[in-house]
Amino acid sequence: MLLRNHGTLSVGRTIGQAFIYAYMLERACEYQVATLAGGTPLVELSDDIKQRVPNQATHFEFAGTMEWPALLALLDAEDSSFRL
């Protein structure tokens, strides 16, 4: 969710899933801003491609199951005091 003048908000079944959703939303916004800053006309995707994309993202319900433990391991290796 994009909140006017407040940033983004995400929810998930787990903390890891919510984090990955927020990360992906932020990245998508970055890409859009960078693309629009290019100053060239955008090419609109065909309806066929637009309809296919949501079907390709069905695996996204498992987001965070592998990423979150890996990110926590990186934090532990750097400084585990965040767990206090």
Protein backbone atom coordinates (compact mmCIF):
# COMPACT_ATOMS: atom_id res chain seq x y z
CA MET A 1 0.00 0.00 0.00
CA LEU A 2 1.23 3.49 -0.79
CA LEU A 3 0.36 6.06 1.85
CA ARG A 4 0.29 9.66 0.72
CA ASN A 5 3.17 11.52 2.41
CA HIS A 6 3.89 8.53 4.69
CA GLY A 7 5.68 5.97 2.52
CA THR A 8 4.71 2.36 2.06
CA LEU A 9 2.98 -0.29 4.14
CA SER A 10 3.02 -4.04 3.71
CA VAL A 11 1.55 -7.02 5.53
CA GLY A 12 2.22 -10.73 5.28
CA ARG A 13 1.58 -14.01 7.03
CA THR A 14 5.02 -13.69 8.65
CA ILE A 15 7.45 -10.89 9.36
CA GLY A 16 9.71 -12.25 6.66
CA GLN A 17 6.94 -12.23 4.08
CA ALA A 18 5.92 -8.66 4.98
CA PHE A 19 9.55 -7.56 4.70
CA ILE A 20 9.98 -9.12 1.24
CA TYR A 21 6.69 -7.59 0.05
CA ALA A 22 7.87 -4.16 1.27
CA TYR A 23 11.27 -4.64 -0.35
CA MET A 24 9.76 -5.64 -3.69
CA LEU A 25 7.33 -2.70 -3.61
CA GLU A 26 10.17 -0.28 -2.91
CA ARG A 27 12.22 -1.75 -5.76
CA ALA A 28 9.29 -1.49 -8.18
CA CYS A 29 8.85 2.17 -7.24
CA GLU A 30 12.59 2.76 -7.76
CA TYR A 31 12.42 1.21 -11.21
CA GLN A 32 9.39 3.26 -12.16
CA VAL A 33 10.97 6.55 -11.06
CA ALA A 34 14.22 5.71 -12.86
CA THR A 35 12.31 4.78 -16.01
CA LEU A 36 10.24 7.95 -16.00
CA ALA A 37 13.39 10.04 -15.38
CA GLY A 38 14.82 8.72 -18.64
CA GLY A 39 12.63 11.12 -20.55
CA THR A 40 11.83 8.74 -23.41
CA PRO A 41 8.32 7.61 -24.28
CA LEU A 42 7.30 4.39 -22.59
CA VAL A 43 6.19 1.36 -24.60
CA GLU A 44 2.95 -0.11 -23.30
CA LEU A 45 2.84 -3.88 -22.95
CA SER A 46 0.35 -5.91 -24.95
CA ASP A 47 -2.83 -7.12 -23.23
CA ASP A 48 -1.57 -10.71 -23.53
CA ILE A 49 1.53 -9.93 -21.48
CA LYS A 50 -0.46 -7.91 -18.95
CA GLN A 51 -2.74 -10.91 -18.37
CA ARG A 52 0.18 -13.36 -18.05
CA VAL A 53 2.15 -11.50 -15.40
CA PRO A 54 -0.17 -12.13 -12.41
CA ASN A 55 -0.16 -15.86 -13.19
CA GLN A 56 3.64 -15.88 -13.08
CA ALA A 57 3.64 -14.48 -9.55
CA THR A 58 1.65 -17.26 -7.86
CA HIS A 59 4.82 -18.49 -6.11
CA PHE A 60 5.05 -15.16 -4.31
CA GLU A 61 2.92 -16.46 -1.43
CA PHE A 62 6.07 -18.23 -0.25
CA ALA A 63 8.08 -15.00 -0.19
CA GLY A 64 10.28 -14.65 2.85
CA THR A 65 10.53 -18.34 3.71
CA MET A 66 14.12 -18.52 2.47
CA GLU A 67 15.12 -14.87 2.32
CA TRP A 68 14.25 -13.89 5.89
CA PRO A 69 16.37 -16.58 7.63
CA ALA A 70 19.27 -15.70 5.33
CA LEU A 71 18.96 -12.00 6.16
CA LEU A 72 18.84 -12.79 9.89
CA ALA A 73 21.98 -14.92 9.52
CA LEU A 74 23.74 -11.98 7.85
CA LEU A 75 22.69 -9.71 10.71
CA ASP A 76 23.86 -12.26 13.30
CA ALA A 77 27.25 -12.47 11.60
CA GLU A 78 27.57 -8.68 11.58
CA ASP A 79 26.24 -7.91 15.08
CA SER A 80 23.75 -10.09 16.94
CA SER A 81 22.88 -7.38 19.49
CA PHE A 82 19.70 -6.64 17.51
CA ARG A 83 18.18 -9.76 19.13
CA LEU A 84 18.19 -8.21 22.63
